[in-house]
PDB file of N, CA and C in Angstrom:
ATOM      1  N   ASP A   1      28.762   1.837  16.544  1.00  0.00           N
ATOM      2  CA  ASP A   1      28.265   2.079  15.202  1.00  0.00           C
ATOM      3  C   ASP A   1      27.235   1.007  14.844  1.00  0.00           C
ATOM      4  N   ALA A   2      26.082   1.437  14.396  1.00  0.00           N
ATOM      5  CA  ALA A   2      24.984   0.509  14.098  1.00  0.00           C
ATOM      6  C   ALA A   2      25.364  -0.467  12.993  1.00  0.00           C
ATOM      7  N   TYR A   3      26.075   0.021  12.000  1.00  0.00           N
ATOM      8  CA  TYR A   3      26.435  -0.855  10.888  1.00  0.00           C
ATOM      9  C   TYR A   3      27.383  -1.964  11.336  1.00  0.00           C
ATOM     10  N   ALA A   4      28.315  -1.639  12.205  1.00  0.00           N
ATOM     11  CA  ALA A   4      29.244  -2.645  12.715  1.00  0.00           C
ATOM     12  C   ALA A   4      28.501  -3.696  13.527  1.00  0.00           C
ATOM     13  N   ALA A   5      27.569  -3.260  14.366  1.00  0.00           N
ATOM     14  CA  ALA A   5      26.773  -4.199  15.152  1.00  0.00           C
ATOM     15  C   ALA A   5      25.941  -5.078  14.232  1.00  0.00           C
ATOM     16  N   PHE A   6      25.385  -4.479  13.185  1.00  0.00           N
ATOM     17  CA  PHE A   6      24.580  -5.217  12.224  1.00  0.00           C
ATOM     18  C   PHE A   6      25.431  -6.287  11.551  1.00  0.00           C
ATOM     19  N   GLY A   7      26.647  -5.957  11.216  1.00  0.00           N
ATOM     20  CA  GLY A   7      27.530  -6.884  10.530  1.00  0.00           C
ATOM     21  C   GLY A   7      27.941  -8.074  11.370  1.00  0.00           C
ATOM     22  N   GLN A   8      27.758  -7.987  12.682  1.00  0.00           N
ATOM     23  CA  GLN A   8      28.134  -9.077  13.569  1.00  0.00           C
ATOM     24  C   GLN A   8      27.032 -10.113  13.741  1.00  0.00           C
ATOM     25  N   MET A   9      25.897  -9.909  13.110  1.00  0.00           N
ATOM     26  CA  MET A   9      24.801 -10.861  13.221  1.00  0.00           C
ATOM     27  C   MET A   9      25.225 -12.207  12.663  1.00  0.00           C
ATOM     28  N   ASN A  10      24.875 -13.260  13.365  1.00  0.00           N
ATOM     29  CA  ASN A  10      25.200 -14.606  12.914  1.00  0.00           C
ATOM     30  C   ASN A  10      23.958 -15.403  12.547  1.00  0.00           C
ATOM     31  N   ALA A  11      22.780 -14.892  12.845  1.00  0.00           N
ATOM     32  CA  ALA A  11      21.550 -15.624  12.592  1.00  0.00           C
ATOM     33  C   ALA A  11      21.118 -15.456  11.149  1.00  0.00           C
ATOM     34  N   GLY A  12      20.459 -16.469  10.621  1.00  0.00           N
ATOM     35  CA  GLY A  12      19.889 -16.375   9.289  1.00  0.00           C
ATOM     36  C   GLY A  12      20.771 -16.973   8.216  1.00  0.00           C
ATOM     37  N   THR A  13      20.125 -17.226   7.091  1.00  0.00           N
ATOM     38  CA  THR A  13      20.835 -17.771   5.942  1.00  0.00           C
ATOM     39  C   THR A  13      21.600 -16.650   5.248  1.00  0.00           C
ATOM     40  N   ASP A  14      22.445 -17.032   4.319  1.00  0.00           N
ATOM     41  CA  ASP A  14      23.178 -16.019   3.550  1.00  0.00           C
ATOM     42  C   ASP A  14      22.210 -15.126   2.788  1.00  0.00           C
ATOM     43  N   GLU A  15      21.129 -15.705   2.260  1.00  0.00           N
ATOM     44  CA  GLU A  15      20.138 -14.928   1.527  1.00  0.00           C
ATOM     45  C   GLU A  15      19.434 -13.928   2.455  1.00  0.00           C
ATOM     46  N   GLU A  16      19.106 -14.367   3.661  1.00  0.00           N
ATOM     47  CA  GLU A  16      18.467 -13.468   4.626  1.00  0.00           C
ATOM     48  C   GLU A  16      19.417 -12.350   5.047  1.00  0.00           C
ATOM     49  N   LYS A  17      20.670 -12.676   5.238  1.00  0.00           N
ATOM     50  CA  LYS A  17      21.657 -11.663   5.600  1.00  0.00           C
ATOM     51  C   LYS A  17      21.835 -10.641   4.476  1.00  0.00           C
ATOM     52  N   LYS A  18      21.845 -11.126   3.243  1.00  0.00           N
ATOM     53  CA  LYS A  18      21.981 -10.228   2.092  1.00  0.00           C
ATOM     54  C   LYS A  18      20.781  -9.288   2.016  1.00  0.00           C
ATOM     55  N   PHE A  19      19.577  -9.831   2.190  1.00  0.00           N
ATOM     56  CA  PHE A  19      18.364  -9.022   2.167  1.00  0.00           C
ATOM     57  C   PHE A  19      18.417  -7.961   3.264  1.00  0.00           C
ATOM     58  N   ALA A  20      18.743  -8.370   4.490  1.00  0.00           N
ATOM     59  CA  ALA A  20      18.804  -7.438   5.614  1.00  0.00           C
ATOM     60  C   ALA A  20      19.853  -6.357   5.372  1.00  0.00           C
ATOM     61  N   SER A  21      20.972  -6.736   4.823  1.00  0.00           N
ATOM     62  CA  SER A  21      22.037  -5.788   4.533  1.00  0.00           C
ATOM     63  C   SER A  21      21.597  -4.769   3.477  1.00  0.00           C
ATOM     64  N   GLU A  22      20.916  -5.249   2.433  1.00  0.00           N
ATOM     65  CA  GLU A  22      20.429  -4.342   1.389  1.00  0.00           C
ATOM     66  C   GLU A  22      19.417  -3.351   1.951  1.00  0.00           C
ATOM     67  N   ILE A  23      18.488  -3.834   2.769  1.00  0.00           N
ATOM     68  CA  ILE A  23      17.479  -2.964   3.365  1.00  0.00           C
ATOM     69  C   ILE A  23      18.155  -1.942   4.273  1.00  0.00           C
ATOM     70  N   PHE A  24      19.098  -2.391   5.066  1.00  0.00           N
ATOM     71  CA  PHE A  24      19.817  -1.494   5.979  1.00  0.00           C
ATOM     72  C   PHE A  24      20.544  -0.406   5.190  1.00  0.00           C
ATOM     73  N   ASP A  25      21.254  -0.799   4.148  1.00  0.00           N
ATOM     74  CA  ASP A  25      21.981   0.174   3.327  1.00  0.00           C
ATOM     75  C   ASP A  25      21.033   1.162   2.660  1.00  0.00           C
ATOM     76  N   LEU A  26      19.923   0.658   2.130  1.00  0.00           N
ATOM     77  CA  LEU A  26      18.948   1.538   1.485  1.00  0.00           C
ATOM     78  C   LEU A  26      18.356   2.529   2.487  1.00  0.00           C
ATOM     79  N   TYR A  27      18.087   2.064   3.700  1.00  0.00           N
ATOM     80  CA  TYR A  27      17.570   2.989   4.710  1.00  0.00           C
ATOM     81  C   TYR A  27      18.618   4.052   5.028  1.00  0.00           C
ATOM     82  N   GLN A  28      19.856   3.640   5.238  1.00  0.00           N
ATOM     83  CA  GLN A  28      20.921   4.588   5.569  1.00  0.00           C
ATOM     84  C   GLN A  28      21.068   5.651   4.474  1.00  0.00           C
ATOM     85  N   GLU A  29      20.986   5.248   3.221  1.00  0.00           N
ATOM     86  CA  GLU A  29      21.143   6.164   2.093  1.00  0.00           C
ATOM     87  C   GLU A  29      19.964   7.124   1.949  1.00  0.00           C
ATOM     88  N   ASN A  30      18.787   6.724   2.417  1.00  0.00           N
ATOM     89  CA  ASN A  30      17.567   7.482   2.158  1.00  0.00           C
ATOM     90  C   ASN A  30      16.807   7.872   3.425  1.00  0.00           C
ATOM     91  N   SER A  31      17.465   7.837   4.557  1.00  0.00           N
ATOM     92  CA  SER A  31      16.767   8.027   5.836  1.00  0.00           C
ATOM     93  C   SER A  31      16.060   9.380   5.947  1.00  0.00           C
ATOM     94  N   ASP A  32      16.664  10.429   5.454  1.00  0.00           N
ATOM     95  CA  ASP A  32      16.015  11.743   5.547  1.00  0.00           C
ATOM     96  C   ASP A  32      14.704  11.778   4.763  1.00  0.00           C
ATOM     97  N   GLU A  33      14.732  11.264   3.531  1.00  0.00           N
ATOM     98  CA  GLU A  33      13.522  11.244   2.710  1.00  0.00           C
ATOM     99  C   GLU A  33      12.458  10.341   3.322  1.00  0.00           C
ATOM    100  N   ILE A  34      12.877   9.204   3.868  1.00  0.00           N
ATOM    101  CA  ILE A  34      11.938   8.264   4.485  1.00  0.00           C
ATOM    102  C   ILE A  34      11.263   8.909   5.683  1.00  0.00           C
ATOM    103  N   GLU A  35      12.036   9.540   6.547  1.00  0.00           N
ATOM    104  CA  GLU A  35      11.457  10.185   7.725  1.00  0.00           C
ATOM    105  C   GLU A  35      10.572  11.365   7.341  1.00  0.00           C
ATOM    106  N   ASP A  36      10.948  12.102   6.313  1.00  0.00           N
ATOM    107  CA  ASP A  36      10.106  13.204   5.835  1.00  0.00           C
ATOM    108  C   ASP A  36       8.762  12.679   5.339  1.00  0.00           C
ATOM    109  N   GLU A  37       8.786  11.612   4.565  1.00  0.00           N
ATOM    110  CA  GLU A  37       7.539  11.063   4.031  1.00  0.00           C
ATOM    111  C   GLU A  37       6.651  10.515   5.149  1.00  0.00           C
ATOM    112  N   ILE A  38       7.252   9.849   6.115  1.00  0.00           N
ATOM    113  CA  ILE A  38       6.480   9.353   7.254  1.00  0.00           C
ATOM    114  C   ILE A  38       5.869  10.529   8.006  1.00  0.00           C
ATOM    115  N   SER A  39       6.646  11.552   8.242  1.00  0.00           N
ATOM    116  CA  SER A  39       6.178  12.733   8.971  1.00  0.00           C
ATOM    117  C   SER A  39       4.969  13.365   8.284  1.00  0.00           C
ATOM    118  N   ILE A  40       5.019  13.456   6.970  1.00  0.00           N
ATOM    119  CA  ILE A  40       3.906  14.037   6.202  1.00  0.00           C
ATOM    120  C   ILE A  40       2.636  13.204   6.383  1.00  0.00           C
ATOM    121  N   LYS A  41       2.767  11.888   6.399  1.00  0.00           N
ATOM    122  CA  LYS A  41       1.603  11.007   6.484  1.00  0.00           C
ATOM    123  C   LYS A  41       1.055  10.869   7.899  1.00  0.00           C
ATOM    124  N   LEU A  42       1.805  11.265   8.900  1.00  0.00           N
ATOM    125  CA  LEU A  42       1.362  11.071  10.284  1.00  0.00           C
ATOM    126  C   LEU A  42       0.173  11.944  10.668  1.00  0.00           C
ATOM    127  N   GLN A  43      -0.001  13.079  10.080  1.00  0.00           N
ATOM    128  CA  GLN A  43      -1.133  13.965  10.328  1.00  0.00           C
ATOM    129  C   GLN A  43      -1.628  13.918  11.780  1.00  0.00           C
ATOM    130  N   GLY A  44      -1.169  14.849  12.564  1.00  0.00           N
ATOM    131  CA  GLY A  44      -1.603  14.933  13.952  1.00  0.00           C
ATOM    132  C   GLY A  44      -0.648  14.282  14.935  1.00  0.00           C
ATOM    133  N   TYR A  45       0.362  13.622  14.439  1.00  0.00           N
ATOM    134  CA  TYR A  45       1.378  13.011  15.290  1.00  0.00           C
ATOM    135  C   TYR A  45       2.724  13.624  14.932  1.00  0.00           C
ATOM    136  N   GLU A  46       3.622  13.606  15.879  1.00  0.00           N
ATOM    137  CA  GLU A  46       5.007  14.000  15.615  1.00  0.00           C
ATOM    138  C   GLU A  46       5.856  12.746  15.619  1.00  0.00           C
ATOM    139  N   LEU A  47       6.912  12.745  14.824  1.00  0.00           N
ATOM    140  CA  LEU A  47       7.776  11.566  14.736  1.00  0.00           C
ATOM    141  C   LEU A  47       8.225  11.073  16.106  1.00  0.00           C
ATOM    142  N   ASN A  48       8.613  11.986  16.967  1.00  0.00           N
ATOM    143  CA  ASN A  48       9.154  11.591  18.276  1.00  0.00           C
ATOM    144  C   ASN A  48       8.083  11.082  19.237  1.00  0.00           C
ATOM    145  N   ARG A  49       6.809  11.181  18.882  1.00  0.00           N
ATOM    146  CA  ARG A  49       5.726  10.704  19.739  1.00  0.00           C
ATOM    147  C   ARG A  49       5.211   9.331  19.326  1.00  0.00           C
ATOM    148  N   VAL A  50       5.668   8.830  18.190  1.00  0.00           N
ATOM    149  CA  VAL A  50       5.239   7.517  17.717  1.00  0.00           C
ATOM    150  C   VAL A  50       6.052   6.456  18.455  1.00  0.00           C
ATOM    151  N   TYR A  51       5.368   5.426  18.900  1.00  0.00           N
ATOM    152  CA  TYR A  51       6.011   4.313  19.593  1.00  0.00           C
ATOM    153  C   TYR A  51       7.198   3.817  18.762  1.00  0.00           C
ATOM    154  N   LYS A  52       8.327   3.585  19.403  1.00  0.00           N
ATOM    155  CA  LYS A  52       9.585   3.264  18.692  1.00  0.00           C
ATOM    156  C   LYS A  52       9.456   2.037  17.787  1.00  0.00           C
ATOM    157  N   VAL A  53       8.766   1.014  18.261  1.00  0.00           N
ATOM    158  CA  VAL A  53       8.603  -0.179  17.432  1.00  0.00           C
ATOM    159  C   VAL A  53       7.800   0.166  16.179  1.00  0.00           C
ATOM    160  N   ASP A  54       6.733   0.933  16.352  1.00  0.00           N
ATOM    161  CA  ASP A  54       5.921   1.334  15.199  1.00  0.00           C
ATOM    162  C   ASP A  54       6.728   2.171  14.217  1.00  0.00           C
ATOM    163  N   MET A  55       7.533   3.076  14.712  1.00  0.00           N
ATOM    164  CA  MET A  55       8.360   3.904  13.837  1.00  0.00           C
ATOM    165  C   MET A  55       9.357   3.034  13.071  1.00  0.00           C
ATOM    166  N   SER A  56       9.951   2.080  13.740  1.00  0.00           N
ATOM    167  CA  SER A  56      10.894   1.178  13.070  1.00  0.00           C
ATOM    168  C   SER A  56      10.195   0.381  11.977  1.00  0.00           C
ATOM    169  N   LEU A  57       8.986  -0.076  12.261  1.00  0.00           N
ATOM    170  CA  LEU A  57       8.239  -0.834  11.262  1.00  0.00           C
ATOM    171  C   LEU A  57       7.856   0.049  10.072  1.00  0.00           C
ATOM    172  N   LEU A  58       7.485   1.300  10.334  1.00  0.00           N
ATOM    173  CA  LEU A  58       7.184   2.224   9.239  1.00  0.00           C
ATOM    174  C   LEU A  58       8.407   2.469   8.372  1.00  0.00           C
ATOM    175  N   LYS A  59       9.546   2.669   9.001  1.00  0.00           N
ATOM    176  CA  LYS A  59      10.783   2.901   8.257  1.00  0.00           C
ATOM    177  C   LYS A  59      11.156   1.678   7.422  1.00  0.00           C
ATOM    178  N   LEU A  60      11.004   0.509   8.010  1.00  0.00           N
ATOM    179  CA  LEU A  60      11.290  -0.730   7.290  1.00  0.00           C
ATOM    180  C   LEU A  60      10.366  -0.869   6.090  1.00  0.00           C
ATOM    181  N   ALA A  61       9.072  -0.660   6.316  1.00  0.00           N
ATOM    182  CA  ALA A  61       8.093  -0.806   5.234  1.00  0.00           C
ATOM    183  C   ALA A  61       8.376   0.161   4.092  1.00  0.00           C
ATOM    184  N   LEU A  62       8.584   1.410   4.421  1.00  0.00           N
ATOM    185  CA  LEU A  62       8.801   2.408   3.381  1.00  0.00           C
ATOM    186  C   LEU A  62      10.101   2.153   2.626  1.00  0.00           C
ATOM    187  N   THR A  63      11.123   1.736   3.332  1.00  0.00           N
ATOM    188  CA  THR A  63      12.391   1.403   2.672  1.00  0.00           C
ATOM    189  C   THR A  63      12.189   0.270   1.683  1.00  0.00           C
ATOM    190  N   GLU A  64      11.483  -0.756   2.131  1.00  0.00           N
ATOM    191  CA  GLU A  64      11.292  -1.913   1.268  1.00  0.00           C
ATOM    192  C   GLU A  64      10.387  -1.583   0.077  1.00  0.00           C
ATOM    193  N   ILE A  65       9.337  -0.834   0.299  1.00  0.00           N
ATOM    194  CA  ILE A  65       8.390  -0.506  -0.772  1.00  0.00           C
ATOM    195  C   ILE A  65       8.986   0.481  -1.769  1.00  0.00           C
ATOM    196  N   LYS A  66       9.572   1.548  -1.264  1.00  0.00           N
ATOM    197  CA  LYS A  66      10.001   2.642  -2.135  1.00  0.00           C
ATOM    198  C   LYS A  66      11.393   2.456  -2.737  1.00  0.00           C
ATOM    199  N   TYR A  67      12.295   1.789  -2.024  1.00  0.00           N
ATOM    200  CA  TYR A  67      13.677   1.719  -2.497  1.00  0.00           C
ATOM    201  C   TYR A  67      14.146   0.314  -2.864  1.00  0.00           C
ATOM    202  N   TYR A  68      13.647  -0.700  -2.178  1.00  0.00           N
ATOM    203  CA  TYR A  68      14.037  -2.083  -2.497  1.00  0.00           C
ATOM    204  C   TYR A  68      13.265  -2.570  -3.717  1.00  0.00           C
ATOM    205  N   LYS A  69      11.973  -2.329  -3.745  1.00  0.00           N
ATOM    206  CA  LYS A  69      11.074  -2.539  -4.884  1.00  0.00           C
ATOM    207  C   LYS A  69      10.995  -3.967  -5.406  1.00  0.00           C
ATOM    208  N   LYS A  70      11.488  -4.944  -4.678  1.00  0.00           N
ATOM    209  CA  LYS A  70      11.424  -6.325  -5.154  1.00  0.00           C
ATOM    210  C   LYS A  70      10.250  -7.084  -4.544  1.00  0.00           C
ATOM    211  N   THR A  71       9.680  -6.556  -3.488  1.00  0.00           N
ATOM    212  CA  THR A  71       8.556  -7.199  -2.822  1.00  0.00           C
ATOM    213  C   THR A  71       7.311  -6.356  -3.080  1.00  0.00           C
ATOM    214  N   PRO A  72       6.226  -6.963  -3.539  1.00  0.00           N
ATOM    215  CA  PRO A  72       5.000  -6.184  -3.770  1.00  0.00           C
ATOM    216  C   PRO A  72       4.515  -5.506  -2.485  1.00  0.00           C
ATOM    217  N   ALA A  73       4.053  -4.277  -2.631  1.00  0.00           N
ATOM    218  CA  ALA A  73       3.618  -3.481  -1.477  1.00  0.00           C
ATOM    219  C   ALA A  73       2.607  -4.195  -0.585  1.00  0.00           C
ATOM    220  N   PRO A  74       1.592  -4.887  -1.130  1.00  0.00           N
ATOM    221  CA  PRO A  74       0.636  -5.563  -0.238  1.00  0.00           C
ATOM    222  C   PRO A  74       1.293  -6.622   0.655  1.00  0.00           C
ATOM    223  N   ILE A  75       2.312  -7.280   0.142  1.00  0.00           N
ATOM    224  CA  ILE A  75       3.020  -8.282   0.945  1.00  0.00           C
ATOM    225  C   ILE A  75       3.808  -7.595   2.052  1.00  0.00           C
ATOM    226  N   VAL A  76       4.470  -6.494   1.726  1.00  0.00           N
ATOM    227  CA  VAL A  76       5.224  -5.743   2.735  1.00  0.00           C
ATOM    228  C   VAL A  76       4.278  -5.274   3.839  1.00  0.00           C
ATOM    229  N   VAL A  77       3.152  -4.696   3.452  1.00  0.00           N
ATOM    230  CA  VAL A  77       2.196  -4.194   4.441  1.00  0.00           C
ATOM    231  C   VAL A  77       1.721  -5.329   5.329  1.00  0.00           C
ATOM    232  N   ASN A  78       1.371  -6.460   4.741  1.00  0.00           N
ATOM    233  CA  ASN A  78       0.912  -7.602   5.529  1.00  0.00           C
ATOM    234  C   ASN A  78       1.983  -8.064   6.520  1.00  0.00           C
ATOM    235  N   GLU A  79       3.213  -8.146   6.070  1.00  0.00           N
ATOM    236  CA  GLU A  79       4.306  -8.572   6.952  1.00  0.00           C
ATOM    237  C   GLU A  79       4.504  -7.583   8.102  1.00  0.00           C
ATOM    238  N   ILE A  80       4.425  -6.299   7.800  1.00  0.00           N
ATOM    239  CA  ILE A  80       4.590  -5.276   8.831  1.00  0.00           C
ATOM    240  C   ILE A  80       3.468  -5.375   9.860  1.00  0.00           C
ATOM    241  N   LEU A  81       2.248  -5.591   9.396  1.00  0.00           N
ATOM    242  CA  LEU A  81       1.123  -5.714  10.325  1.00  0.00           C
ATOM    243  C   LEU A  81       1.271  -6.951  11.208  1.00  0.00           C
ATOM    244  N   GLU A  82       1.760  -8.036  10.645  1.00  0.00           N
ATOM    245  CA  GLU A  82       1.990  -9.246  11.450  1.00  0.00           C
ATOM    246  C   GLU A  82       3.082  -9.001  12.495  1.00  0.00           C
ATOM    247  N   LEU A  83       4.136  -8.321  12.111  1.00  0.00           N
ATOM    248  CA  LEU A  83       5.197  -7.988  13.076  1.00  0.00           C
ATOM    249  C   LEU A  83       4.661  -7.089  14.184  1.00  0.00           C
ATOM    250  N   SER A  84       3.790  -6.146  13.821  1.00  0.00           N
ATOM    251  CA  SER A  84       3.246  -5.236  14.833  1.00  0.00           C
ATOM    252  C   SER A  84       2.354  -5.979  15.816  1.00  0.00           C
ATOM    253  N   LYS A  85       1.636  -6.985  15.346  1.00  0.00           N
ATOM    254  CA  LYS A  85       0.793  -7.787  16.246  1.00  0.00           C
ATOM    255  C   LYS A  85       1.647  -8.534  17.258  1.00  0.00           C
ATOM    256  N   LYS A  86       2.821  -8.930  16.836  1.00  0.00           N
ATOM    257  CA  LYS A  86       3.705  -9.711  17.720  1.00  0.00           C
ATOM    258  C   LYS A  86       4.543  -8.828  18.649  1.00  0.00           C
ATOM    259  N   TYR A  87       5.030  -7.693  18.139  1.00  0.00           N
ATOM    260  CA  TYR A  87       6.020  -6.918  18.880  1.00  0.00           C
ATOM    261  C   TYR A  87       5.570  -5.539  19.358  1.00  0.00           C
ATOM    262  N   SER A  88       4.357  -5.123  19.009  1.00  0.00           N
ATOM    263  CA  SER A  88       3.950  -3.772  19.373  1.00  0.00           C
ATOM    264  C   SER A  88       2.665  -3.801  20.190  1.00  0.00           C
ATOM    265  N   THR A  89       1.984  -2.684  20.250  1.00  0.00           N
ATOM    266  CA  THR A  89       0.785  -2.557  21.085  1.00  0.00           C
ATOM    267  C   THR A  89      -0.445  -3.101  20.364  1.00  0.00           C
ATOM    268  N   ASP A  90      -1.525  -3.248  21.094  1.00  0.00           N
ATOM    269  CA  ASP A  90      -2.781  -3.732  20.504  1.00  0.00           C
ATOM    270  C   ASP A  90      -3.320  -2.772  19.447  1.00  0.00           C
ATOM    271  N   ASN A  91      -3.049  -1.483  19.594  1.00  0.00           N
ATOM    272  CA  ASN A  91      -3.539  -0.475  18.649  1.00  0.00           C
ATOM    273  C   ASN A  91      -2.638  -0.292  17.435  1.00  0.00           C
ATOM    274  N   SER A  92      -1.452  -0.846  17.483  1.00  0.00           N
ATOM    275  CA  SER A  92      -0.465  -0.623  16.427  1.00  0.00           C
ATOM    276  C   SER A  92      -0.880  -1.112  15.045  1.00  0.00           C
ATOM    277  N   PRO A  93      -1.445  -2.317  14.911  1.00  0.00           N
ATOM    278  CA  PRO A  93      -1.801  -2.758  13.557  1.00  0.00           C
ATOM    279  C   PRO A  93      -2.752  -1.785  12.849  1.00  0.00           C
ATOM    280  N   LYS A  94      -3.756  -1.294  13.552  1.00  0.00           N
ATOM    281  CA  LYS A  94      -4.705  -0.355  12.950  1.00  0.00           C
ATOM    282  C   LYS A  94      -3.999   0.960  12.584  1.00  0.00           C
ATOM    283  N   PHE A  95      -3.176   1.465  13.508  1.00  0.00           N
ATOM    284  CA  PHE A  95      -2.426   2.704  13.272  1.00  0.00           C
ATOM    285  C   PHE A  95      -1.509   2.548  12.062  1.00  0.00           C
ATOM    286  N   LEU A  96      -0.720   1.479  12.050  1.00  0.00           N
ATOM    287  CA  LEU A  96       0.229   1.263  10.956  1.00  0.00           C
ATOM    288  C   LEU A  96      -0.484   1.030   9.628  1.00  0.00           C
ATOM    289  N   ASN A  97      -1.582   0.302   9.656  1.00  0.00           N
ATOM    290  CA  ASN A  97      -2.325   0.059   8.426  1.00  0.00           C
ATOM    291  C   ASN A  97      -2.789   1.372   7.812  1.00  0.00           C
ATOM    292  N   GLY A  98      -3.271   2.289   8.633  1.00  0.00           N
ATOM    293  CA  GLY A  98      -3.727   3.579   8.127  1.00  0.00           C
ATOM    294  C   GLY A  98      -2.595   4.374   7.494  1.00  0.00           C
ATOM    295  N   ILE A  99      -1.470   4.407   8.160  1.00  0.00           N
ATOM    296  CA  ILE A  99      -0.309   5.150   7.634  1.00  0.00           C
ATOM    297  C   ILE A  99       0.209   4.500   6.347  1.00  0.00           C
ATOM    298  N   LEU A 100       0.350   3.179   6.369  1.00  0.00           N
ATOM    299  CA  LEU A 100       0.879   2.487   5.197  1.00  0.00           C
ATOM    300  C   LEU A 100      -0.061   2.579   4.004  1.00  0.00           C
ATOM    301  N   ARG A 101      -1.360   2.539   4.248  1.00  0.00           N
ATOM    302  CA  ARG A 101      -2.316   2.687   3.139  1.00  0.00           C
ATOM    303  C   ARG A 101      -2.179   4.073   2.508  1.00  0.00           C
ATOM    304  N   ALA A 102      -1.926   5.079   3.322  1.00  0.00           N
ATOM    305  CA  ALA A 102      -1.743   6.441   2.807  1.00  0.00           C
ATOM    306  C   ALA A 102      -0.458   6.547   1.985  1.00  0.00           C
ATOM    307  N   MET A 103       0.514   5.710   2.287  1.00  0.00           N
ATOM    308  CA  MET A 103       1.793   5.760   1.574  1.00  0.00           C
ATOM    309  C   MET A 103       1.754   5.001   0.257  1.00  0.00           C
ATOM    310  N   VAL A 104       0.985   3.954   0.204  1.00  0.00           N
ATOM    311  CA  VAL A 104       0.924   3.148  -1.033  1.00  0.00           C
ATOM    312  C   VAL A 104      -0.425   3.326  -1.629  1.00  0.00           C
TER     313      VAL A 104
END
């Protein structure tokens, strides 16, 4: 179970764990709507064809922007683009920026 594995994390401060837990719960509660909205914005791509890291970053961004609402959207987008530069492909930042701009 993903939630049980998530709960076993030992890294991070209590504040970071609380933030991660809130984001995880919000995604779980709204995953269908989040995936539907991403699918609509993909135009020409199918959800299952998007690189897994990019899809995870899109889901994280949309969850934080639309449901968490405590972090301004430009900051979320910037953080997602920085994560994509570190963990995804060379083309990912441009791809994600286009999708995220369409969402916000």
